Amino acid sequence: MSGGATARATGTPPAHGGWDVRHRAVLLVLSANMILDAIEVSLVLVALPDVRAELGLSPLAVQWLMSGFALGFAVALLTGARLVARLGTRRVYLAAMLGFAVASVAGGFAGDPVTLVATRVVKGLCAALTAPAGLAIIADAFPEGPGRRRAVSVYALCGAAGFTAGLLLSGALLQAGWRWTLWFPAPLALLVLVPALRVLPRDRPRAAPAVRVPSAARALRDGVLVRTAVGAAALNGTYHSVLFLVTLHVQERQGWPPWLNALALLPACVPLAVTVPFAGRMTARWGVGRLIALGAAAPLAGYALLLARPRLAPYATGVLPVLLLVGAGFVLSFAALNMRAAATGAAEDRPAALRVYQAAVQLGAVVLLPATGALLSAGHGGRPAFALLAVAAAVGLAAAVAPFPSRSAPSPSASPSPSRKDRA
């Protein structure tokens, strides 16, 4: 057979490193899934004031539409590995996509808050099963080298761009009612599922029925991983919380329409989408440790500004500087945090370490969003919630700048020891 025919038969790209039609199709399907997951979060964010008004919910109750999704995501990350090991990556991916679509339809028809939040938890569970499975499929279909790195970059870029797309879509969908923001992902999920049935590679036969799944508990003994996870949790949790606060403020107190709210939030997410392709160059130039520290300091400065000027008005001097500083935090440290998490511990423990890290990212929102909603519901204004975000961001900064003990460095077999600049 020719080189191209061999590639199609074995499921690997041609020897020259290019992508054939099948591999482009696989990457297109998986990237579309990443866009869908990110759209899911930002669609609901802008719809929260409308949901709150129609169902008569408090800030604490309505925030569960966001934190419930994050909770399901975190739980599935920590428990889903054994399911994938038992049933196979492709099978779990396809089942989760179908479950995501069904939960989207059910959520749109939900008539009470409990059912509505339950569908959000289910969608988080399904999303958490598709995201790691997507990376596993990429690792299996694209051999190590420039082709795989390019595939992962495209995959990550689609996730970053999806949040922005969801904000823009939300303003249009809310013209027809908030339930459309819950229904909208269902047909998208089916559009991803149909080609996935055809193009995703089938699971390879395993040599033995029992598959060892690395322990998350063992991964938590790594001090570098724990502190990286704390920093990522603080960054993500405060990010979602401040977007929640701004959304309620501009729609309920200032009377902005949803589409204008969506545009107002763009400075917090567009910079990351634009700079993701250059993340590798940034870390090579400035070092992982320095970028993580700067990325933790920028949001803290934003939350300190909120405490100094808690009225959030006018937008240009109240909200915009905060969103730009929060967005800068993601630009600086998002890739660096992921790189540090991926380089910790021994190679055999790395899958568990990455699950712990990704779960911590979601748990930051699970903890801070309800706390933010509770403080708002208490009726003391926004200052207590702003103070909470500042404290959480300070914890993230402390985790970033404290020196690492020598015993926490990755073993030589796992990855090269980080430079002194990376330990900063």
Protein backbone atom coordinates (compact mmCIF):
# COMPACT_ATOMS: atom_id res chain seq x y z
CA MET A 1 0.00 0.00 0.00
CA SER A 2 1.05 3.62 -0.46
CA GLY A 3 1.95 5.81 2.53
CA GLY A 4 -1.46 7.52 2.47
CA ALA A 5 -3.30 4.20 2.27
CA THR A 6 -1.26 2.85 5.17
CA ALA A 7 -2.15 5.89 7.23
CA ARG A 8 -5.85 5.40 6.57
CA ALA A 9 -5.63 1.74 7.51
CA THR A 10 -3.74 2.23 10.76
CA GLY A 11 -5.46 5.41 11.90
CA THR A 12 -2.24 7.43 12.09
CA PRO A 13 -1.29 10.46 9.98
CA PRO A 14 0.98 9.96 6.99
CA ALA A 15 4.68 9.61 7.69
CA HIS A 16 5.44 13.09 6.41
CA GLY A 17 3.45 14.53 9.34
CA GLY A 18 0.56 15.98 7.36
CA TRP A 19 -3.11 15.41 8.14
CA ASP A 20 -5.32 13.42 5.81
CA VAL A 21 -9.05 14.09 5.44
CA ARG A 22 -9.98 11.68 8.23
CA HIS A 23 -7.67 13.31 10.77
CA ARG A 24 -8.93 16.75 9.87
CA ALA A 25 -12.47 15.47 10.38
CA VAL A 26 -11.59 13.99 13.79
CA LEU A 27 -10.05 17.27 14.92
CA LEU A 28 -13.02 19.24 13.58
CA VAL A 29 -15.47 17.10 15.57
CA LEU A 30 -13.47 17.30 18.80
CA SER A 31 -12.88 21.04 18.44
CA ALA A 32 -16.58 21.61 17.85
CA ASN A 33 -17.20 19.80 21.13
CA MET A 34 -14.84 22.19 22.92
CA ILE A 35 -16.69 25.16 21.45
CA LEU A 36 -19.99 23.64 22.59
CA ASP A 37 -18.81 23.18 26.20
CA ALA A 38 -17.57 26.76 26.41
CA ILE A 39 -20.72 28.16 24.77
CA GLU A 40 -22.80 26.29 27.34
CA VAL A 41 -21.32 28.28 30.22
CA SER A 42 -21.48 31.76 28.73
CA LEU A 43 -24.99 31.31 27.31
CA VAL A 44 -26.43 30.66 30.75
CA LEU A 45 -24.41 33.43 32.40
CA VAL A 46 -26.17 36.24 30.54
CA ALA A 47 -29.57 34.53 30.99
CA LEU A 48 -29.35 34.44 34.81
CA PRO A 49 -31.21 37.72 35.47
CA ASP A 50 -34.12 36.60 33.27
CA VAL A 51 -34.28 33.19 34.97
CA ARG A 52 -34.14 34.87 38.35
CA ALA A 53 -36.98 37.25 37.50
CA GLU A 54 -39.31 34.59 36.06
CA LEU A 55 -38.76 31.95 38.75
CA GLY A 56 -38.41 34.38 41.66
CA LEU A 57 -34.97 33.12 42.71
CA SER A 58 -32.43 34.70 45.02
CA PRO A 59 -28.84 35.31 43.83
CA LEU A 60 -27.80 32.26 45.85
CA ALA A 61 -30.38 30.05 44.14
CA VAL A 62 -29.86 31.26 40.58
CA GLN A 63 -26.07 30.90 40.69
CA TRP A 64 -26.54 27.10 40.89
CA LEU A 65 -27.21 27.11 37.17
CA MET A 66 -23.50 27.89 36.82
CA SER A 67 -21.99 26.16 39.83
CA GLY A 68 -24.17 23.06 39.29
CA PHE A 69 -22.56 22.60 35.88
CA ALA A 70 -19.12 23.03 37.45
CA LEU A 71 -19.99 20.56 40.22
CA GLY A 72 -21.00 17.87 37.75
CA PHE A 73 -17.86 18.55 35.75
CA ALA A 74 -15.59 18.18 38.79
CA VAL A 75 -17.25 14.97 40.02
CA ALA A 76 -17.00 13.28 36.62
CA LEU A 77 -13.35 14.28 36.24
CA LEU A 78 -12.48 12.51 39.48
CA THR A 79 -14.63 9.42 38.90
CA GLY A 80 -14.86 9.05 35.13
CA ALA A 81 -11.44 7.51 34.48
CA ARG A 82 -12.55 4.05 35.53
CA LEU A 83 -15.63 4.33 33.34
CA VAL A 84 -13.45 5.19 30.34
CA ALA A 85 -11.04 2.38 31.19
CA ARG A 86 -13.89 -0.13 31.38
CA LEU A 87 -16.03 0.97 28.40
CA GLY A 88 -13.54 2.67 26.10
CA THR A 89 -12.90 6.26 25.12
CA ARG A 90 -15.06 6.34 22.00
CA ARG A 91 -18.07 4.70 23.63
CA VAL A 92 -17.99 7.04 26.63
CA TYR A 93 -17.54 10.07 24.39
CA LEU A 94 -20.55 9.23 22.22
CA ALA A 95 -22.79 8.37 25.18
CA ALA A 96 -21.84 11.60 26.95
CA MET A 97 -22.62 13.68 23.86
CA LEU A 98 -26.07 12.11 23.62
CA GLY A 99 -26.66 12.66 27.34
CA PHE A 100 -25.63 16.31 26.94
CA ALA A 101 -28.23 16.81 24.21
CA VAL A 102 -31.01 15.11 26.21
CA ALA A 103 -30.21 17.15 29.34
CA SER A 104 -30.28 20.36 27.27
CA VAL A 105 -33.81 19.63 26.08
CA ALA A 106 -34.95 18.64 29.57
CA GLY A 107 -33.47 21.79 31.08
CA GLY A 108 -35.31 24.00 28.62
CA PHE A 109 -38.63 22.46 29.65
CA ALA A 110 -37.89 22.40 33.40
CA GLY A 111 -40.60 24.14 35.40
CA ASP A 112 -38.93 24.28 38.80
CA PRO A 113 -35.48 25.28 40.03
CA VAL A 114 -34.54 21.82 41.36
CA THR A 115 -35.11 20.10 38.01
CA LEU A 116 -33.38 22.94 36.20
CA VAL A 117 -30.26 22.70 38.36
CA ALA A 118 -30.29 18.89 38.13
CA THR A 119 -30.09 19.09 34.33
CA ARG A 120 -27.15 21.46 34.67
CA VAL A 121 -25.33 18.98 36.90
CA VAL A 122 -25.96 16.22 34.34
CA LYS A 123 -24.64 18.42 31.56
CA GLY A 124 -21.51 19.09 33.60
CA LEU A 125 -21.03 15.35 34.08
CA CYS A 126 -21.36 14.74 30.34
CA ALA A 127 -19.06 17.62 29.41
CA ALA A 128 -16.38 16.32 31.77
CA LEU A 129 -16.50 12.93 30.07
CA THR A 130 -16.15 14.38 26.58
CA ALA A 131 -13.32 16.86 27.25
CA PRO A 132 -10.68 14.43 28.59
CA ALA A 133 -11.88 11.79 26.14
CA GLY A 134 -11.29 14.27 23.33
CA LEU A 135 -7.68 14.78 24.41
CA ALA A 136 -7.24 11.02 24.68
CA ILE A 137 -8.54 10.56 21.13
CA ILE A 138 -6.13 13.24 19.87
CA ALA A 139 -3.24 11.54 21.66
CA ASP A 140 -4.23 8.23 20.10
CA ALA A 141 -4.86 9.51 16.56
CA PHE A 142 -1.96 11.96 16.24
CA PRO A 143 1.58 10.67 16.94
CA GLU A 144 3.90 12.64 19.22
CA GLY A 145 5.47 15.57 17.43
CA PRO A 146 4.51 18.81 15.64
CA GLY A 147 1.26 17.33 14.32
CA ARG A 148 -0.07 16.48 17.76
CA ARG A 149 1.05 19.80 19.24
CA ARG A 150 -0.74 21.64 16.43
CA ALA A 151 -3.86 19.56 17.02
CA VAL A 152 -3.85 20.31 20.76
CA SER A 153 -3.36 24.02 20.04
CA VAL A 154 -6.38 24.08 17.73
CA TYR A 155 -8.38 22.18 20.35
CA ALA A 156 -7.47 24.68 23.09
CA LEU A 157 -8.09 27.68 20.86
CA CYS A 158 -11.63 26.48 20.11
CA GLY A 159 -12.35 26.19 23.82
CA ALA A 160 -11.17 29.76 24.45
CA ALA A 161 -13.10 31.12 21.48
CA GLY A 162 -16.28 29.26 22.44
CA PHE A 163 -16.86 31.34 25.56
CA THR A 164 -16.78 34.51 23.50
CA ALA A 165 -19.13 33.01 20.91
CA GLY A 166 -21.57 32.04 23.67
CA LEU A 167 -21.71 35.59 24.98
CA LEU A 168 -22.53 36.94 21.53
CA LEU A 169 -25.16 34.26 20.92
CA SER A 170 -26.82 34.80 24.28
CA GLY A 171 -27.94 38.32 23.46
CA ALA A 172 -29.75 37.09 20.35
CA LEU A 173 -31.29 33.99 21.94
CA LEU A 174 -32.64 35.91 24.91
CA GLN A 175 -34.79 37.94 22.56
CA ALA A 176 -36.88 34.77 22.24
CA GLY A 177 -36.69 33.88 25.95
CA TRP A 178 -34.19 32.41 28.41
CA ARG A 179 -35.27 28.83 27.74
CA TRP A 180 -33.71 29.07 24.28
CA THR A 181 -30.30 29.45 25.87
CA LEU A 182 -30.84 26.00 27.42
CA TRP A 183 -32.30 24.39 24.30
CA PHE A 184 -29.76 25.80 21.87
CA PRO A 185 -26.87 23.42 22.75
CA ALA A 186 -29.05 20.33 22.05
CA PRO A 187 -29.03 20.52 18.23
CA LEU A 188 -25.36 21.52 18.33
CA ALA A 189 -24.56 18.40 20.35
CA LEU A 190 -26.42 16.25 17.83
CA LEU A 191 -24.58 17.95 14.97
CA VAL A 192 -21.32 16.93 16.66
CA LEU A 193 -22.57 13.44 17.51
CA VAL A 194 -23.62 12.41 13.99
CA PRO A 195 -20.22 12.86 12.32
CA ALA A 196 -18.48 11.58 15.47
CA LEU A 197 -20.18 8.21 14.96
CA ARG A 198 -18.43 7.95 11.60
CA VAL A 199 -15.03 9.58 12.05
CA LEU A 200 -13.89 8.88 15.62
CA PRO A 201 -11.42 5.99 15.74
CA ARG A 202 -12.61 2.81 17.39
CA ASP A 203 -11.06 1.82 20.70
CA ARG A 204 -8.07 -0.44 20.35
CA PRO A 205 -8.31 -3.89 21.92
CA ARG A 206 -6.72 -4.01 25.34
CA ALA A 207 -4.20 -6.65 26.29
CA ALA A 208 -5.81 -7.25 29.66
CA PRO A 209 -9.33 -6.60 30.99
CA ALA A 210 -8.08 -4.91 34.13
CA VAL A 211 -6.67 -1.41 33.57
CA ARG A 212 -4.74 0.34 36.31
CA VAL A 213 -6.11 3.82 36.90
CA PRO A 214 -3.60 6.10 38.68
CA SER A 215 -4.71 7.26 42.10
CA ALA A 216 -5.86 10.84 42.61
CA ALA A 217 -4.97 10.53 46.30
CA ARG A 218 -1.35 9.78 45.40
CA ALA A 219 -1.28 12.75 43.03
CA LEU A 220 -2.38 15.04 45.89
CA ARG A 221 0.87 14.27 47.74
CA ASP A 222 2.72 16.38 45.18
CA GLY A 223 3.12 19.87 46.64
CA VAL A 224 3.72 21.49 43.26
CA LEU A 225 0.49 20.04 41.89
CA VAL A 226 -1.54 21.07 44.94
CA ARG A 227 -0.34 24.67 44.80
CA THR A 228 -0.87 24.82 41.04
CA ALA A 229 -4.39 23.49 41.54
CA VAL A 230 -5.08 26.08 44.26
CA GLY A 231 -3.92 28.87 41.97
CA ALA A 232 -6.06 27.62 39.10
CA ALA A 233 -9.09 27.20 41.38
CA ALA A 234 -8.73 30.77 42.65
CA LEU A 235 -8.34 32.12 39.12
CA ASN A 236 -11.35 30.29 37.70
CA GLY A 237 -13.60 30.65 40.74
CA THR A 238 -13.11 34.40 41.07
CA TYR A 239 -13.47 34.82 37.30
CA HIS A 240 -16.90 33.21 37.15
CA SER A 241 -17.97 35.00 40.32
CA VAL A 242 -17.07 38.46 39.08
CA LEU A 243 -18.86 37.83 35.77
CA PHE A 244 -21.90 36.74 37.78
CA LEU A 245 -21.74 39.93 39.86
CA VAL A 246 -21.33 42.17 36.83
CA THR A 247 -24.19 40.46 34.98
CA LEU A 248 -26.66 40.96 37.84
CA HIS A 249 -25.48 44.53 38.31
CA VAL A 250 -25.74 45.80 34.73
CA GLN A 251 -29.04 44.06 33.94
CA GLU A 252 -30.91 44.43 37.23
CA ARG A 253 -29.55 47.69 38.64
CA GLN A 254 -28.59 49.59 35.50
CA GLY A 255 -31.28 48.15 33.23
CA TRP A 256 -28.99 47.08 30.41
CA PRO A 257 -30.43 44.68 27.82
CA PRO A 258 -28.81 41.22 27.63
CA TRP A 259 -27.04 41.91 24.33
CA LEU A 260 -25.32 44.95 25.82
CA ASN A 261 -24.41 42.91 28.91
CA ALA A 262 -22.81 40.33 26.61
CA LEU A 263 -20.75 42.97 24.83
CA ALA A 264 -19.71 44.44 28.17
CA LEU A 265 -18.22 41.11 29.28
CA LEU A 266 -16.10 40.60 26.16
CA PRO A 267 -12.97 42.32 27.58
CA ALA A 268 -12.74 39.50 30.12
CA CYS A 269 -12.58 36.70 27.51
CA VAL A 270 -11.50 38.01 24.11
CA PRO A 271 -7.84 38.60 25.14
CA LEU A 272 -7.41 34.91 26.05
CA ALA A 273 -8.94 33.71 22.77
CA VAL A 274 -6.61 35.99 20.82
CA THR A 275 -3.42 35.05 22.68
CA VAL A 276 -3.83 31.26 23.04
CA PRO A 277 -1.80 30.58 19.85
CA PHE A 278 1.14 32.47 21.36
CA ALA A 279 1.08 30.84 24.79
CA GLY A 280 4.05 28.60 24.05
CA ARG A 281 6.23 31.55 23.07
CA MET A 282 5.22 33.45 26.20
CA THR A 283 6.19 30.64 28.53
CA ALA A 284 9.47 30.07 26.69
CA ARG A 285 10.36 33.74 27.02
CA TRP A 286 9.18 34.56 30.52
CA GLY A 287 9.08 31.24 32.35
CA VAL A 288 6.15 29.34 33.81
CA GLY A 289 6.61 30.53 37.40
CA ARG A 290 6.81 34.21 36.55
CA LEU A 291 3.71 34.08 34.36
CA ILE A 292 1.71 32.24 37.02
CA ALA A 293 2.65 34.88 39.61
CA LEU A 294 1.80 37.79 37.31
CA GLY A 295 -1.42 36.07 36.30
CA ALA A 296 -2.44 35.79 39.94
CA ALA A 297 -1.52 39.41 40.73
CA ALA A 298 -3.54 41.00 37.91
CA PRO A 299 -7.00 39.78 39.07
CA LEU A 300 -6.16 40.63 42.67
CA ALA A 301 -5.52 44.22 41.55
CA GLY A 302 -8.92 44.17 39.85
CA TYR A 303 -10.74 42.96 42.95
CA ALA A 304 -8.91 45.54 45.07
CA LEU A 305 -10.23 48.15 42.65
CA LEU A 306 -13.75 46.78 43.19
CA LEU A 307 -13.36 47.25 46.93
CA ALA A 308 -12.14 50.80 46.44
CA ARG A 309 -15.02 51.67 44.05
CA PRO A 310 -17.86 49.22 44.80
CA ARG A 311 -20.58 51.05 42.86
CA LEU A 312 -19.36 49.66 39.48
CA ALA A 313 -20.51 52.76 37.66
CA PRO A 314 -19.84 54.16 35.17
CA TYR A 315 -18.80 51.14 33.12
CA ALA A 316 -15.66 52.72 31.66
CA THR A 317 -14.09 53.39 35.04
CA GLY A 318 -15.93 50.91 37.26
CA VAL A 319 -16.38 47.59 35.42
CA LEU A 320 -14.04 47.76 32.42
CA PRO A 321 -10.72 48.06 34.30
CA VAL A 322 -11.67 45.09 36.48
CA LEU A 323 -12.58 42.92 33.50
CA LEU A 324 -9.36 43.84 31.72
CA LEU A 325 -7.27 42.90 34.75
CA VAL A 326 -9.14 39.62 35.17
CA GLY A 327 -8.70 38.87 31.47
CA ALA A 328 -4.99 39.68 31.78
CA GLY A 329 -4.74 37.10 34.55
CA PHE A 330 -5.97 34.40 32.18
CA VAL A 331 -3.73 35.57 29.34
CA LEU A 332 -0.66 35.42 31.56
CA SER A 333 -1.23 32.26 33.56
CA PHE A 334 -3.78 29.99 31.85
CA ALA A 335 -1.28 28.11 29.69
CA ALA A 336 1.46 28.31 32.33
CA LEU A 337 -0.74 26.68 34.99
CA ASN A 338 -1.67 23.90 32.60
CA MET A 339 1.97 23.34 31.65
CA ARG A 340 3.09 23.15 35.27
CA ALA A 341 0.29 20.73 36.14
CA ALA A 342 1.20 18.54 33.15
CA ALA A 343 4.86 18.40 34.23
CA THR A 344 4.40 17.36 37.86
CA GLY A 345 4.98 13.91 39.32
CA ALA A 346 6.04 10.68 37.72
CA ALA A 347 4.81 9.82 34.24
CA GLU A 348 2.57 6.99 35.46
CA ASP A 349 0.77 9.35 37.86
CA ARG A 350 0.28 12.15 35.37
CA PRO A 351 -3.24 11.20 34.20
CA ALA A 352 -4.47 11.30 37.80
CA ALA A 353 -2.60 14.55 38.41
CA LEU A 354 -4.28 16.20 35.44
CA ARG A 355 -7.70 15.01 36.58
CA VAL A 356 -7.08 16.48 40.03
CA TYR A 357 -5.92 19.73 38.50
CA GLN A 358 -8.89 20.02 36.12
CA ALA A 359 -11.30 19.15 38.93
CA ALA A 360 -9.76 21.87 41.11
CA VAL A 361 -10.36 24.41 38.34
CA GLN A 362 -14.08 23.57 38.46
CA LEU A 363 -14.24 23.34 42.25
CA GLY A 364 -13.05 26.93 42.46
CA ALA A 365 -16.36 27.94 40.87
CA VAL A 366 -18.32 25.39 42.97
CA VAL A 367 -17.05 27.03 46.17
CA LEU A 368 -16.89 30.71 45.26
CA LEU A 369 -20.09 31.11 43.21
CA PRO A 370 -22.42 29.93 46.02
CA ALA A 371 -20.49 32.02 48.55
CA THR A 372 -20.83 35.06 46.30
CA GLY A 373 -24.55 34.41 45.83
CA ALA A 374 -25.05 33.99 49.57
CA LEU A 375 -23.34 37.31 50.32
CA LEU A 376 -25.49 39.09 47.74
CA SER A 377 -28.65 37.45 49.09
CA ALA A 378 -27.81 38.71 52.59
CA GLY A 379 -28.66 42.22 51.43
CA HIS A 380 -25.46 44.04 52.40
CA GLY A 381 -24.57 45.21 48.90
CA GLY A 382 -21.67 44.09 46.79
CA ARG A 383 -18.75 44.97 49.05
CA PRO A 384 -18.72 41.68 51.07
CA ALA A 385 -18.72 39.70 47.81
CA PHE A 386 -15.90 41.85 46.43
CA ALA A 387 -13.93 41.26 49.62
CA LEU A 388 -14.41 37.50 49.23
CA LEU A 389 -13.02 37.61 45.69
CA ALA A 390 -10.04 39.66 46.84
CA VAL A 391 -9.25 37.16 49.60
CA ALA A 392 -9.54 34.21 47.22
CA ALA A 393 -7.28 35.94 44.68
CA ALA A 394 -4.76 36.66 47.45
CA VAL A 395 -4.70 32.94 48.29
CA GLY A 396 -4.00 32.20 44.63
CA LEU A 397 -1.16 34.72 44.59
CA ALA A 398 0.32 33.27 47.78
CA ALA A 399 0.28 29.81 46.20
CA ALA A 400 2.08 31.22 43.17
CA VAL A 401 4.90 33.12 44.85
CA ALA A 402 5.82 30.94 47.86
CA PRO A 403 9.06 28.99 47.25
CA PHE A 404 8.77 25.32 46.35
CA PRO A 405 10.44 22.78 48.64
CA SER A 406 13.11 20.82 46.82
CA ARG A 407 11.31 17.53 47.40
CA SER A 408 8.34 18.75 45.32
CA ALA A 409 10.33 19.03 42.11
CA PRO A 410 9.36 16.62 39.37
CA SER A 411 11.49 13.51 39.15
CA PRO A 412 14.03 13.32 36.30
CA SER A 413 12.07 10.46 34.77
CA ALA A 414 8.93 12.57 34.54
CA SER A 415 10.29 15.74 33.00
CA PRO A 416 13.32 18.00 33.16
CA SER A 417 13.66 19.95 36.41
CA PRO A 418 12.27 23.45 36.09
CA SER A 419 14.72 26.29 35.98
CA ARG A 420 15.04 28.70 38.87
CA LYS A 421 12.97 31.14 36.82
CA ASP A 422 10.16 28.58 36.56
CA ARG A 423 10.18 28.00 40.33
CA ALA A 424 9.66 31.68 41.06
